[in-house]
Amino acid sequence: QVQLVESGGGLVQPGGSLTLSCTASTSDFRFYAMAWYRQAPGKQREMVAAITSGNWPYYGDFVKGRFTISRDNAKNSISLEMKNLEPDDTALYFCNGDLRRAPDSSLVPGQYWGQGTQATVSS
């Protein structure tokens, strides 16, 4: 069973920055497409950013160039650098592993989930 452990959440003022990290407990990490999802109270979970095993990044439309996803296969980890944060970015952020491609080439959430790390943007 693969475990994903997130860290880096916290409270930040609007316009501030946070960097989230996720470490996976598998030696097959380099083969996995990985992603960050988020869920705000009363809203559906949505994909924030994903990165393929070949290091191609994808972002949700709402990101608008503010976030950067990266991976470090030597450390079995991914990171999400978030800048210019807005109150609407307040959510529980989840690391997700082993994403697959649907027939329409969209990314489908993988089978592995972390417990989540809370990011709160508030003055």
N, C-alpha and C. Protein backbone atom coordinates (compact mmCIF):
# COMPACT_ATOMS: atom_id res chain seq x y z
N GLN A 1 0.84 -1.19 0.00
CA GLN A 1 0.00 0.00 0.00
C GLN A 1 0.88 1.24 0.00
N VAL A 2 0.64 2.12 -0.94
CA VAL A 2 1.42 3.34 -1.04
C VAL A 2 0.84 4.40 -0.11
N GLN A 3 1.70 5.01 0.67
CA GLN A 3 1.27 6.11 1.54
C GLN A 3 1.78 7.43 1.00
N LEU A 4 0.93 8.43 1.04
CA LEU A 4 1.29 9.78 0.63
C LEU A 4 1.13 10.70 1.83
N VAL A 5 2.18 11.44 2.13
CA VAL A 5 2.16 12.32 3.30
C VAL A 5 2.41 13.75 2.84
N GLU A 6 1.42 14.61 3.13
CA GLU A 6 1.52 16.01 2.74
C GLU A 6 2.04 16.86 3.89
N SER A 7 2.61 17.98 3.53
CA SER A 7 3.04 18.96 4.53
C SER A 7 3.07 20.34 3.87
N GLY A 8 3.16 21.37 4.71
CA GLY A 8 3.36 22.71 4.19
C GLY A 8 2.16 23.62 4.22
N GLY A 9 1.00 23.12 4.64
CA GLY A 9 -0.16 24.01 4.72
C GLY A 9 0.00 25.01 5.85
N GLY A 10 -0.96 25.92 5.91
CA GLY A 10 -0.92 26.92 6.98
C GLY A 10 -1.82 28.09 6.68
N LEU A 11 -1.65 29.13 7.47
CA LEU A 11 -2.43 30.36 7.32
C LEU A 11 -1.55 31.42 6.68
N VAL A 12 -2.08 32.06 5.65
CA VAL A 12 -1.33 33.09 4.94
C VAL A 12 -2.28 34.21 4.55
N GLN A 13 -1.77 35.40 4.45
CA GLN A 13 -2.59 36.55 4.06
C GLN A 13 -2.79 36.56 2.54
N PRO A 14 -3.86 37.19 2.08
CA PRO A 14 -4.03 37.33 0.62
C PRO A 14 -2.81 37.96 -0.03
N GLY A 15 -2.44 37.37 -1.17
CA GLY A 15 -1.23 37.81 -1.86
C GLY A 15 0.02 37.08 -1.42
N GLY A 16 -0.09 36.28 -0.39
CA GLY A 16 1.05 35.55 0.14
C GLY A 16 1.32 34.25 -0.61
N SER A 17 2.28 33.48 -0.08
CA SER A 17 2.72 32.25 -0.74
C SER A 17 2.77 31.09 0.23
N LEU A 18 2.59 29.90 -0.30
CA LEU A 18 2.77 28.66 0.44
C LEU A 18 3.35 27.63 -0.51
N THR A 19 4.13 26.72 0.04
CA THR A 19 4.62 25.59 -0.74
C THR A 19 4.22 24.31 -0.03
N LEU A 20 3.48 23.48 -0.75
CA LEU A 20 3.04 22.19 -0.24
C LEU A 20 3.98 21.10 -0.76
N SER A 21 4.18 20.09 0.07
CA SER A 21 5.02 18.97 -0.34
C SER A 21 4.29 17.67 -0.05
N CYS A 22 4.61 16.67 -0.86
CA CYS A 22 4.02 15.34 -0.69
C CYS A 22 5.11 14.31 -0.94
N THR A 23 5.26 13.39 0.00
CA THR A 23 6.25 12.33 -0.12
C THR A 23 5.54 10.99 -0.20
N ALA A 24 5.98 10.16 -1.13
CA ALA A 24 5.37 8.86 -1.36
C ALA A 24 6.26 7.73 -0.86
N SER A 25 5.64 6.70 -0.35
CA SER A 25 6.37 5.56 0.20
C SER A 25 6.45 4.43 -0.80
N THR A 26 6.99 4.71 -1.98
CA THR A 26 7.10 3.66 -2.99
C THR A 26 8.33 3.91 -3.85
N SER A 27 9.00 2.81 -4.18
CA SER A 27 10.16 2.92 -5.06
C SER A 27 9.74 3.05 -6.52
N ASP A 28 8.43 2.90 -6.79
CA ASP A 28 7.92 3.05 -8.16
C ASP A 28 7.45 4.47 -8.44
N PHE A 29 7.77 5.39 -7.54
CA PHE A 29 7.26 6.76 -7.64
C PHE A 29 7.51 7.36 -9.02
N ARG A 30 8.67 7.10 -9.59
CA ARG A 30 9.04 7.76 -10.85
C ARG A 30 8.10 7.38 -11.99
N PHE A 31 7.37 6.28 -11.83
CA PHE A 31 6.45 5.83 -12.88
C PHE A 31 5.05 6.45 -12.74
N TYR A 32 4.80 7.11 -11.61
CA TYR A 32 3.46 7.59 -11.32
C TYR A 32 3.24 9.02 -11.80
N ALA A 33 2.09 9.24 -12.42
CA ALA A 33 1.61 10.61 -12.56
C ALA A 33 1.04 11.02 -11.20
N MET A 34 1.34 12.24 -10.79
CA MET A 34 0.96 12.72 -9.47
C MET A 34 0.15 14.01 -9.60
N ALA A 35 -0.60 14.33 -8.58
CA ALA A 35 -1.43 15.54 -8.67
C ALA A 35 -1.74 16.10 -7.29
N TRP A 36 -2.16 17.33 -7.29
CA TRP A 36 -2.75 17.98 -6.13
C TRP A 36 -4.21 18.28 -6.44
N TYR A 37 -5.07 17.88 -5.53
CA TYR A 37 -6.48 18.23 -5.57
C TYR A 37 -6.79 19.09 -4.35
N ARG A 38 -7.91 19.78 -4.41
CA ARG A 38 -8.33 20.54 -3.24
C ARG A 38 -9.83 20.45 -3.09
N GLN A 39 -10.26 20.64 -1.86
CA GLN A 39 -11.69 20.64 -1.58
C GLN A 39 -11.98 21.69 -0.53
N ALA A 40 -12.81 22.63 -0.89
CA ALA A 40 -13.26 23.67 0.03
C ALA A 40 -14.60 23.26 0.63
N PRO A 41 -14.94 23.77 1.79
CA PRO A 41 -16.23 23.42 2.42
C PRO A 41 -17.40 23.67 1.48
N GLY A 42 -18.24 22.67 1.33
CA GLY A 42 -19.43 22.82 0.50
C GLY A 42 -19.18 22.73 -1.00
N LYS A 43 -17.94 22.44 -1.38
CA LYS A 43 -17.61 22.37 -2.81
C LYS A 43 -17.06 20.99 -3.15
N GLN A 44 -17.09 20.68 -4.45
CA GLN A 44 -16.53 19.41 -4.91
C GLN A 44 -15.02 19.47 -4.96
N ARG A 45 -14.41 18.30 -4.84
CA ARG A 45 -12.97 18.23 -4.98
C ARG A 45 -12.60 18.55 -6.42
N GLU A 46 -11.53 19.34 -6.60
CA GLU A 46 -11.10 19.71 -7.96
C GLU A 46 -9.59 19.56 -8.08
N MET A 47 -9.15 19.30 -9.30
CA MET A 47 -7.72 19.16 -9.52
C MET A 47 -7.09 20.54 -9.60
N VAL A 48 -6.01 20.70 -8.87
CA VAL A 48 -5.26 21.94 -8.88
C VAL A 48 -4.15 21.88 -9.91
N ALA A 49 -3.38 20.79 -9.85
CA ALA A 49 -2.25 20.63 -10.76
C ALA A 49 -1.86 19.17 -10.79
N ALA A 50 -1.30 18.75 -11.91
CA ALA A 50 -0.83 17.38 -12.06
C ALA A 50 0.51 17.40 -12.79
N ILE A 51 1.26 16.34 -12.60
CA ILE A 51 2.53 16.21 -13.30
C ILE A 51 2.72 14.76 -13.68
N THR A 52 3.04 14.54 -14.95
CA THR A 52 3.16 13.18 -15.43
C THR A 52 4.52 12.58 -15.05
N SER A 53 4.67 11.29 -15.32
CA SER A 53 5.96 10.64 -15.07
C SER A 53 7.03 11.24 -15.97
N GLY A 54 6.62 11.79 -17.11
CA GLY A 54 7.56 12.44 -18.02
C GLY A 54 7.79 13.91 -17.70
N ASN A 55 7.25 14.37 -16.55
CA ASN A 55 7.47 15.73 -16.05
C ASN A 55 6.67 16.80 -16.78
N TRP A 56 5.57 16.43 -17.41
CA TRP A 56 4.68 17.41 -18.04
C TRP A 56 3.67 17.90 -17.00
N PRO A 57 3.57 19.21 -16.81
CA PRO A 57 2.62 19.74 -15.84
C PRO A 57 1.27 20.09 -16.46
N TYR A 58 0.23 20.00 -15.65
CA TYR A 58 -1.10 20.43 -16.03
C TYR A 58 -1.67 21.23 -14.86
N TYR A 59 -2.51 22.22 -15.20
CA TYR A 59 -3.06 23.07 -14.16
C TYR A 59 -4.55 23.29 -14.37
N GLY A 60 -5.26 23.47 -13.26
CA GLY A 60 -6.64 23.88 -13.35
C GLY A 60 -6.74 25.29 -13.90
N ASP A 61 -7.83 25.59 -14.57
CA ASP A 61 -7.98 26.91 -15.21
C ASP A 61 -7.88 28.05 -14.19
N PHE A 62 -8.28 27.79 -12.97
CA PHE A 62 -8.30 28.85 -11.96
C PHE A 62 -6.89 29.22 -11.46
N VAL A 63 -5.91 28.40 -11.79
CA VAL A 63 -4.55 28.65 -11.31
C VAL A 63 -3.98 29.93 -11.93
N LYS A 64 -4.20 30.13 -13.21
CA LYS A 64 -3.83 31.37 -13.90
C LYS A 64 -2.37 31.76 -13.66
N GLY A 65 -1.47 30.79 -13.74
CA GLY A 65 -0.05 31.07 -13.65
C GLY A 65 0.47 31.31 -12.24
N ARG A 66 -0.36 31.14 -11.23
CA ARG A 66 0.07 31.44 -9.86
C ARG A 66 0.78 30.28 -9.19
N PHE A 67 0.53 29.04 -9.64
CA PHE A 67 1.06 27.87 -8.97
C PHE A 67 2.05 27.14 -9.89
N THR A 68 2.99 26.43 -9.28
CA THR A 68 3.94 25.62 -10.02
C THR A 68 4.06 24.26 -9.35
N ILE A 69 3.84 23.21 -10.13
CA ILE A 69 4.01 21.86 -9.62
C ILE A 69 5.35 21.32 -10.10
N SER A 70 6.01 20.56 -9.24
CA SER A 70 7.29 19.96 -9.62
C SER A 70 7.43 18.63 -8.92
N ARG A 71 8.38 17.83 -9.41
CA ARG A 71 8.62 16.53 -8.78
C ARG A 71 10.11 16.30 -8.63
N ASP A 72 10.44 15.51 -7.63
CA ASP A 72 11.82 15.12 -7.39
C ASP A 72 11.82 13.60 -7.20
N ASN A 73 12.15 12.89 -8.26
CA ASN A 73 12.07 11.43 -8.19
C ASN A 73 13.10 10.84 -7.21
N ALA A 74 14.18 11.52 -7.01
CA ALA A 74 15.20 11.03 -6.06
C ALA A 74 14.67 11.05 -4.63
N LYS A 75 13.71 11.94 -4.37
CA LYS A 75 13.14 12.06 -3.03
C LYS A 75 11.71 11.52 -2.95
N ASN A 76 11.24 10.93 -4.05
CA ASN A 76 9.86 10.41 -4.10
C ASN A 76 8.86 11.48 -3.68
N SER A 77 9.01 12.67 -4.20
CA SER A 77 8.17 13.76 -3.73
C SER A 77 7.71 14.68 -4.85
N ILE A 78 6.61 15.34 -4.60
CA ILE A 78 6.16 16.43 -5.44
C ILE A 78 5.95 17.66 -4.57
N SER A 79 5.97 18.81 -5.21
CA SER A 79 5.73 20.06 -4.50
C SER A 79 4.76 20.91 -5.29
N LEU A 80 4.08 21.80 -4.59
CA LEU A 80 3.20 22.76 -5.22
C LEU A 80 3.53 24.12 -4.63
N GLU A 81 4.16 24.95 -5.42
CA GLU A 81 4.47 26.31 -4.99
C GLU A 81 3.30 27.21 -5.38
N MET A 82 2.71 27.84 -4.40
CA MET A 82 1.53 28.68 -4.63
C MET A 82 1.87 30.12 -4.29
N LYS A 83 1.65 30.99 -5.24
CA LYS A 83 1.92 32.42 -5.05
C LYS A 83 0.65 33.21 -5.28
N ASN A 84 0.67 34.46 -4.82
CA ASN A 84 -0.46 35.37 -5.01
C ASN A 84 -1.77 34.70 -4.60
N LEU A 85 -1.77 34.12 -3.43
CA LEU A 85 -2.94 33.37 -2.97
C LEU A 85 -4.12 34.28 -2.69
N GLU A 86 -5.30 33.73 -2.93
CA GLU A 86 -6.56 34.45 -2.76
C GLU A 86 -7.41 33.72 -1.72
N PRO A 87 -8.35 34.40 -1.10
CA PRO A 87 -9.22 33.72 -0.13
C PRO A 87 -9.92 32.49 -0.73
N ASP A 88 -10.23 32.53 -2.03
CA ASP A 88 -10.88 31.38 -2.68
C ASP A 88 -9.96 30.16 -2.79
N ASP A 89 -8.69 30.33 -2.51
CA ASP A 89 -7.76 29.20 -2.52
C ASP A 89 -7.80 28.44 -1.19
N THR A 90 -8.54 28.94 -0.25
CA THR A 90 -8.67 28.25 1.04
C THR A 90 -9.35 26.90 0.84
N ALA A 91 -8.66 25.84 1.25
CA ALA A 91 -9.18 24.49 1.03
C ALA A 91 -8.26 23.48 1.71
N LEU A 92 -8.74 22.26 1.75
CA LEU A 92 -7.91 21.13 2.15
C LEU A 92 -7.27 20.58 0.87
N TYR A 93 -5.96 20.55 0.84
CA TYR A 93 -5.22 20.14 -0.35
C TYR A 93 -4.74 18.70 -0.18
N PHE A 94 -5.05 17.89 -1.19
CA PHE A 94 -4.72 16.47 -1.15
C PHE A 94 -3.69 16.12 -2.23
N CYS A 95 -2.77 15.28 -1.86
CA CYS A 95 -1.85 14.69 -2.82
C CYS A 95 -2.49 13.42 -3.37
N ASN A 96 -2.34 13.21 -4.66
CA ASN A 96 -2.94 12.05 -5.32
C ASN A 96 -1.91 11.38 -6.20
N GLY A 97 -1.89 10.05 -6.19
CA GLY A 97 -0.88 9.34 -6.94
C GLY A 97 -1.42 8.28 -7.87
N ASP A 98 -0.67 8.06 -8.94
CA ASP A 98 -0.97 7.03 -9.93
C ASP A 98 -2.18 7.39 -10.79
N LEU A 99 -2.22 8.63 -11.26
CA LEU A 99 -3.29 9.04 -12.16
C LEU A 99 -3.20 8.28 -13.49
N ARG A 100 -4.33 8.11 -14.11
CA ARG A 100 -4.38 7.43 -15.40
C ARG A 100 -5.05 8.33 -16.43
N ARG A 101 -4.93 7.93 -17.68
CA ARG A 101 -5.56 8.67 -18.78
C ARG A 101 -6.90 8.03 -19.11
N ALA A 102 -7.94 8.87 -19.21
CA ALA A 102 -9.23 8.42 -19.70
C ALA A 102 -9.17 8.35 -21.23
N PRO A 103 -10.16 7.68 -21.88
CA PRO A 103 -10.15 7.61 -23.35
C PRO A 103 -10.09 8.97 -24.03
N ASP A 104 -10.61 10.01 -23.37
CA ASP A 104 -10.56 11.35 -23.97
C ASP A 104 -9.26 12.08 -23.60
N SER A 105 -8.31 11.35 -23.04
CA SER A 105 -6.98 11.86 -22.67
C SER A 105 -6.97 12.72 -21.41
N SER A 106 -8.11 12.89 -20.79
CA SER A 106 -8.12 13.64 -19.54
C SER A 106 -7.51 12.77 -18.44
N LEU A 107 -7.04 13.40 -17.38
CA LEU A 107 -6.43 12.68 -16.27
C LEU A 107 -7.49 12.26 -15.26
N VAL A 108 -7.41 11.03 -14.86
CA VAL A 108 -8.36 10.47 -13.90
C VAL A 108 -7.64 10.29 -12.56
N PRO A 109 -8.25 10.68 -11.45
CA PRO A 109 -7.57 10.55 -10.16
C PRO A 109 -7.06 9.13 -9.93
N GLY A 110 -5.90 9.06 -9.32
CA GLY A 110 -5.30 7.79 -9.03
C GLY A 110 -5.86 7.17 -7.77
N GLN A 111 -5.36 5.99 -7.44
CA GLN A 111 -5.90 5.21 -6.33
C GLN A 111 -5.32 5.62 -4.98
N TYR A 112 -4.26 6.40 -4.97
CA TYR A 112 -3.59 6.74 -3.72
C TYR A 112 -3.87 8.19 -3.33
N TRP A 113 -4.28 8.37 -2.09
CA TRP A 113 -4.58 9.70 -1.57
C TRP A 113 -3.86 9.94 -0.25
N GLY A 114 -3.41 11.15 -0.05
CA GLY A 114 -2.93 11.55 1.25
C GLY A 114 -4.08 12.00 2.13
N GLN A 115 -3.75 12.37 3.37
CA GLN A 115 -4.76 12.79 4.33
C GLN A 115 -5.15 14.25 4.14
N GLY A 116 -4.33 14.99 3.44
CA GLY A 116 -4.66 16.39 3.19
C GLY A 116 -3.92 17.34 4.11
N THR A 117 -3.67 18.53 3.61
CA THR A 117 -3.08 19.60 4.41
C THR A 117 -3.88 20.87 4.15
N GLN A 118 -4.21 21.56 5.22
CA GLN A 118 -5.09 22.73 5.13
C GLN A 118 -4.31 23.98 4.76
N ALA A 119 -4.83 24.69 3.77
CA ALA A 119 -4.29 26.01 3.41
C ALA A 119 -5.41 27.03 3.60
N THR A 120 -5.15 28.03 4.40
CA THR A 120 -6.14 29.05 4.69
C THR A 120 -5.58 30.41 4.30
N VAL A 121 -6.33 31.12 3.46
CA VAL A 121 -5.91 32.45 3.01
C VAL A 121 -6.87 33.46 3.59
N SER A 122 -6.38 34.24 4.51
CA SER A 122 -7.25 35.18 5.22
C SER A 122 -6.44 36.30 5.81
N SER A 123 -7.04 37.49 5.85
CA SER A 123 -6.39 38.62 6.50
C SER A 123 -6.81 38.71 7.96
